């Protein structure tokens, strides 16, 4: 009897661990679509959540043939991965008025999963615009992060016609936006790369503003000129140092 209990407990733990390693990331959004007459479950979010500014992250996309008996469940027995979409889909990442188009690459040893890695440089609302074709049907789908992430997401089971041959039938879950790293720095406050870049630009402007005086006054201001020159050199050195730190951070 004791042996049976031990075996049952071991099996339960093993199943829990297996689920932890094979399940998709929790903080993702799931949307159910009928595309070209077939039901597809799209699971989307960001890599390495929660992610901070300057972290390596990216678009994380899974596309599955939906299980008819449990279509919103990406882990349902009848949900099967859709492969080969790297040949027909791309993603455009948006942040404010900035946009960047990237390919979607298949994730190794994970059929139906695709990614597009990038480094976010500011904390704002990012959008992932997936476009191309699925099931020989044109698709243009846009997904947005939410500041509250999964906790702030609301389900929506209304039917919405997105475009010809594309109908959205359900939405559940969400994924968070990238967070500032300033408060996460330890033991010293973290200076984000975008802030470093702004500091360098300001230093360059300050150096450029140190202009040589006119010939008429140059003889009376040699000492001042020397001080200004050394100030310019000092600013340049500081700028180079800050730039080196930024490059080192990007390398990491």
Protein backbone atom coordinates (compact mmCIF):
# COMPACT_ATOMS: atom_id res chain seq x y z
CA UNK A 1 0.00 0.00 0.00
CA UNK A 2 2.77 2.44 0.93
CA UNK A 3 4.64 1.55 -2.27
CA UNK A 4 1.54 2.30 -4.36
CA UNK A 5 1.15 5.71 -2.68
CA UNK A 6 4.82 6.53 -3.32
CA UNK A 7 4.55 5.54 -6.99
CA UNK A 8 1.35 7.56 -7.45
CA UNK A 9 2.96 10.59 -5.85
CA UNK A 10 6.05 10.28 -8.04
CA UNK A 11 3.94 10.05 -11.19
CA UNK A 12 1.93 13.13 -10.16
CA UNK A 13 5.08 15.18 -9.59
CA UNK A 14 6.51 14.04 -12.92
CA UNK A 15 3.35 15.08 -14.72
CA UNK A 16 3.41 18.50 -13.07
CA UNK A 17 7.04 19.02 -14.05
CA UNK A 18 6.37 17.91 -17.61
CA UNK A 19 3.53 20.38 -17.85
CA UNK A 20 5.76 23.15 -16.52
CA UNK A 21 8.34 22.56 -19.23
CA UNK A 22 6.04 21.92 -22.20
CA UNK A 23 3.26 24.44 -21.58
CA UNK A 24 3.37 27.79 -23.37
CA UNK A 25 4.13 30.94 -21.38
CA UNK A 26 1.29 31.87 -19.02
CA UNK A 27 1.13 35.57 -19.83
CA UNK A 28 0.06 35.19 -23.45
CA UNK A 29 -3.11 36.05 -25.31
CA UNK A 30 -5.23 33.45 -27.11
CA UNK A 31 -7.47 34.38 -30.02
CA UNK A 32 -9.68 32.01 -31.96
CA UNK A 33 -10.15 32.66 -35.69
CA UNK A 34 -11.92 31.05 -38.60
CA UNK A 35 -9.53 31.52 -41.51
CA UNK A 36 -10.47 30.20 -44.93
CA UNK A 37 -13.15 28.01 -43.37
CA UNK A 38 -10.90 26.41 -40.71
CA UNK A 39 -10.59 27.24 -37.01
CA UNK A 40 -7.16 28.34 -35.77
CA UNK A 41 -6.05 29.21 -32.26
CA UNK A 42 -3.39 31.94 -32.17
CA UNK A 43 -1.33 32.29 -28.99
CA UNK A 44 0.80 35.42 -28.84
CA UNK A 45 2.96 37.30 -26.36
CA UNK A 46 6.59 38.26 -25.73
CA UNK A 47 9.62 36.08 -25.10
CA UNK A 48 11.18 35.89 -21.63
CA UNK A 49 8.30 37.54 -19.79
CA UNK A 50 8.33 39.60 -17.72
CA UNK A 51 10.77 41.58 -19.84
CA UNK A 52 12.41 44.92 -19.09
CA UNK A 53 13.72 47.67 -21.35
CA UNK A 54 17.12 46.63 -22.82
CA UNK A 55 16.39 42.92 -22.20
CA UNK A 56 16.49 40.47 -25.07
CA UNK A 57 12.86 39.58 -25.81
CA UNK A 58 10.76 39.31 -28.95
CA UNK A 59 7.51 38.24 -30.55
CA UNK A 60 6.38 34.78 -29.43
CA UNK A 61 3.72 33.28 -31.71
CA UNK A 62 2.03 29.87 -31.75
CA UNK A 63 -0.56 28.80 -34.31
CA UNK A 64 -2.62 25.65 -33.83
CA UNK A 65 -5.50 23.89 -35.51
CA UNK A 66 -8.15 24.39 -32.83
CA UNK A 67 -9.63 21.40 -31.00
CA UNK A 68 -13.35 21.38 -31.96
CA UNK A 69 -14.37 20.27 -28.46
CA UNK A 70 -12.19 22.85 -26.64
CA UNK A 71 -11.14 25.46 -29.22
CA UNK A 72 -9.71 28.10 -26.84
CA UNK A 73 -7.43 25.60 -25.08
CA UNK A 74 -3.93 25.44 -26.58
CA UNK A 75 -3.22 22.29 -24.56
CA UNK A 76 -6.32 20.39 -25.67
CA UNK A 77 -5.69 16.92 -27.03
CA UNK A 78 -7.06 17.83 -30.46
CA UNK A 79 -5.04 21.06 -30.84
CA UNK A 80 -2.32 20.41 -33.43
CA UNK A 81 0.53 22.75 -34.48
CA UNK A 82 0.53 24.53 -37.82
CA UNK A 83 4.00 24.34 -39.36
CA UNK A 84 5.61 26.13 -42.32
CA UNK A 85 4.15 29.57 -41.56
CA UNK A 86 7.62 31.15 -41.59
CA UNK A 87 7.22 31.00 -45.38
CA UNK A 88 3.91 32.89 -45.44
CA UNK A 89 3.89 35.20 -42.40
CA UNK A 90 5.89 38.20 -41.18
CA UNK A 91 5.56 40.54 -38.22
CA UNK A 92 5.72 44.33 -37.97
CA UNK A 93 6.62 45.57 -34.50
CA UNK A 94 5.22 48.98 -33.58
CA UNK A 95 6.10 51.42 -30.78
CA UNK A 96 4.57 54.87 -31.13
CA UNK A 97 5.24 56.07 -34.66
CA UNK A 98 8.20 53.69 -35.11
CA UNK A 99 7.73 50.41 -36.99
CA UNK A 100 10.06 47.54 -37.81
CA UNK A 101 9.31 44.58 -40.08
CA UNK A 102 10.90 41.26 -39.16
CA UNK A 103 10.71 37.63 -40.30
CA UNK A 104 9.11 35.01 -38.09
CA UNK A 105 11.50 32.12 -37.52
CA UNK A 106 10.39 28.64 -36.41
CA UNK A 107 11.44 27.76 -32.86
CA UNK A 108 13.70 24.69 -32.71
CA UNK A 109 12.00 21.51 -31.53
CA UNK A 110 8.67 23.30 -31.00
CA UNK A 111 6.38 22.79 -34.04
CA UNK A 112 3.90 25.59 -34.64
CA UNK A 113 5.88 28.13 -32.62
CA UNK A 114 7.59 31.16 -34.22
CA UNK A 115 9.65 34.04 -32.85
CA UNK A 116 11.19 37.37 -33.83
CA UNK A 117 13.75 38.47 -31.20
CA UNK A 118 14.50 42.16 -30.52
CA UNK A 119 15.64 44.52 -27.74
CA UNK A 120 13.02 47.07 -26.56
CA UNK A 121 14.64 50.46 -25.91
CA UNK A 122 11.74 52.35 -24.31
CA UNK A 123 8.78 51.49 -22.09
CA UNK A 124 5.60 52.03 -24.10
CA UNK A 125 2.75 50.08 -25.69
CA UNK A 126 4.13 47.69 -28.30
CA UNK A 127 2.01 46.21 -31.09
CA UNK A 128 2.66 43.03 -33.07
CA UNK A 129 1.12 43.13 -36.54
CA UNK A 130 1.07 39.65 -38.07
CA UNK A 131 0.50 39.68 -41.83
CA UNK A 132 0.71 37.31 -44.78
CA UNK A 133 -1.40 34.21 -45.42
CA UNK A 134 -2.77 31.30 -43.41
CA UNK A 135 -4.62 28.52 -45.22
CA UNK A 136 -4.09 30.47 -48.47
CA UNK A 137 -6.12 33.34 -46.99
CA UNK A 138 -4.69 36.88 -46.48
CA UNK A 139 -4.46 37.86 -42.81
CA UNK A 140 -3.71 41.19 -41.12
CA UNK A 141 -3.91 40.79 -37.36
CA UNK A 142 -2.69 43.28 -34.75
CA UNK A 143 -2.07 42.44 -31.09
CA UNK A 144 -1.14 44.87 -28.30
CA UNK A 145 0.43 44.46 -24.90
CA UNK A 146 -1.46 45.65 -21.83
CA UNK A 147 0.28 47.37 -18.88
CA UNK A 148 -1.47 45.07 -16.38
CA UNK A 149 -0.65 41.97 -18.43
CA UNK A 150 -2.69 38.82 -17.80
CA UNK A 151 -4.37 40.38 -14.76
CA UNK A 152 -5.81 43.24 -16.82
CA UNK A 153 -7.01 41.12 -19.75
CA UNK A 154 -10.69 40.68 -20.50
CA UNK A 155 -12.29 37.82 -22.41
CA UNK A 156 -14.45 38.53 -25.43
CA UNK A 157 -16.52 35.86 -27.17
CA UNK A 158 -18.21 38.11 -29.71
CA UNK A 159 -17.89 37.27 -33.40
CA UNK A 160 -16.05 39.91 -35.43
CA UNK A 161 -15.39 39.85 -39.18
CA UNK A 162 -11.79 41.03 -39.56
CA UNK A 163 -11.48 40.74 -43.34
CA UNK A 164 -12.66 38.55 -46.17
CA UNK A 165 -12.36 34.94 -45.02
CA UNK A 166 -11.12 35.92 -41.53
CA UNK A 167 -13.52 35.93 -38.55
CA UNK A 168 -12.47 36.32 -34.92
CA UNK A 169 -14.55 34.15 -32.59
CA UNK A 170 -12.94 34.63 -29.19
CA UNK A 171 -10.26 36.40 -27.15
CA UNK A 172 -8.87 35.49 -23.74
CA UNK A 173 -5.74 36.34 -21.74
CA UNK A 174 -3.13 39.01 -22.37
CA UNK A 175 0.55 39.83 -22.13
CA UNK A 176 2.34 42.67 -20.39
CA UNK A 177 4.25 45.63 -21.79
CA UNK A 178 7.99 46.00 -21.20
CA UNK A 179 8.89 47.58 -17.88
CA UNK A 180 11.42 50.25 -16.95
CA UNK A 181 14.68 48.81 -15.61
CA UNK A 182 15.48 51.89 -13.53
CA UNK A 183 13.96 50.54 -10.34
CA UNK A 184 15.34 47.03 -10.94
CA UNK A 185 18.99 48.14 -10.81
CA UNK A 186 21.08 46.89 -7.89
CA UNK A 187 23.27 47.82 -6.10
CA UNK A 188 23.41 51.00 -8.22
CA UNK A 189 20.48 52.52 -10.15
CA UNK A 190 20.35 51.23 -13.72
CA UNK A 191 20.82 53.75 -16.54
CA UNK A 192 18.93 52.58 -19.60
CA UNK A 193 20.69 52.60 -22.95
CA UNK A 194 18.28 55.17 -24.34
CA UNK A 195 19.14 57.52 -21.46
CA UNK A 196 22.86 56.91 -22.10
CA UNK A 197 22.38 57.79 -25.77
CA UNK A 198 20.60 61.03 -24.84
CA UNK A 199 23.40 61.93 -22.41
CA UNK A 200 26.03 61.40 -25.12
CA UNK A 201 24.04 63.56 -27.56
CA UNK A 202 23.84 66.33 -24.97
CA UNK A 203 27.58 66.12 -24.28
CA UNK A 204 28.33 66.35 -28.00
CA UNK A 205 26.12 69.43 -28.20
CA UNK A 206 27.92 70.99 -25.23
CA UNK A 207 31.32 70.33 -26.80
CA UNK A 208 30.20 71.81 -30.12
CA UNK A 209 29.00 74.95 -28.34
CA UNK A 210 32.52 75.65 -27.04
CA UNK A 211 33.61 77.92 -29.92
CA UNK A 212 36.98 79.59 -30.43
CA UNK A 213 36.94 83.35 -29.58
CA UNK A 214 37.60 86.04 -32.20
CA UNK A 215 41.21 87.06 -33.08
CA UNK A 216 40.79 90.50 -31.48
CA UNK A 217 40.11 89.06 -28.06
CA UNK A 218 42.17 85.91 -28.26
CA UNK A 219 45.33 87.48 -26.78
CA UNK A 220 43.45 88.57 -23.66
CA UNK A 221 41.70 85.26 -23.13
CA UNK A 222 44.43 82.64 -23.47
CA UNK A 223 43.75 81.33 -19.98
CA UNK A 224 40.03 81.15 -20.59
CA UNK A 225 40.58 79.46 -23.94
CA UNK A 226 42.77 76.84 -22.31
CA UNK A 227 40.14 76.15 -19.67
CA UNK A 228 37.45 75.86 -22.32
CA UNK A 229 39.59 73.52 -24.38
CA UNK A 230 40.23 71.28 -21.40
CA UNK A 231 36.53 71.36 -20.57
CA UNK A 232 35.77 70.18 -24.09
CA UNK A 233 38.31 67.38 -23.81
CA UNK A 234 36.84 66.38 -20.45
CA UNK A 235 33.34 66.25 -21.87
CA UNK A 236 34.57 64.16 -24.76
CA UNK A 237 36.22 61.69 -22.40
CA UNK A 238 33.07 61.42 -20.32
CA UNK A 239 31.06 60.82 -23.48
CA UNK A 240 33.41 58.09 -24.62
CA UNK A 241 33.24 56.44 -21.20
CA UNK A 242 29.45 56.47 -21.17
CA UNK A 243 29.40 55.14 -24.72
CA UNK A 244 31.71 52.30 -23.74
CA UNK A 245 29.42 51.36 -20.87
CA UNK A 246 26.44 51.34 -23.22
CA UNK A 247 28.24 49.13 -25.73
CA UNK A 248 29.25 46.72 -22.94
CA UNK A 249 25.64 46.51 -21.78
CA UNK A 250 24.39 45.80 -25.28
CA UNK A 251 26.96 43.05 -25.62
CA UNK A 252 25.65 41.38 -22.51
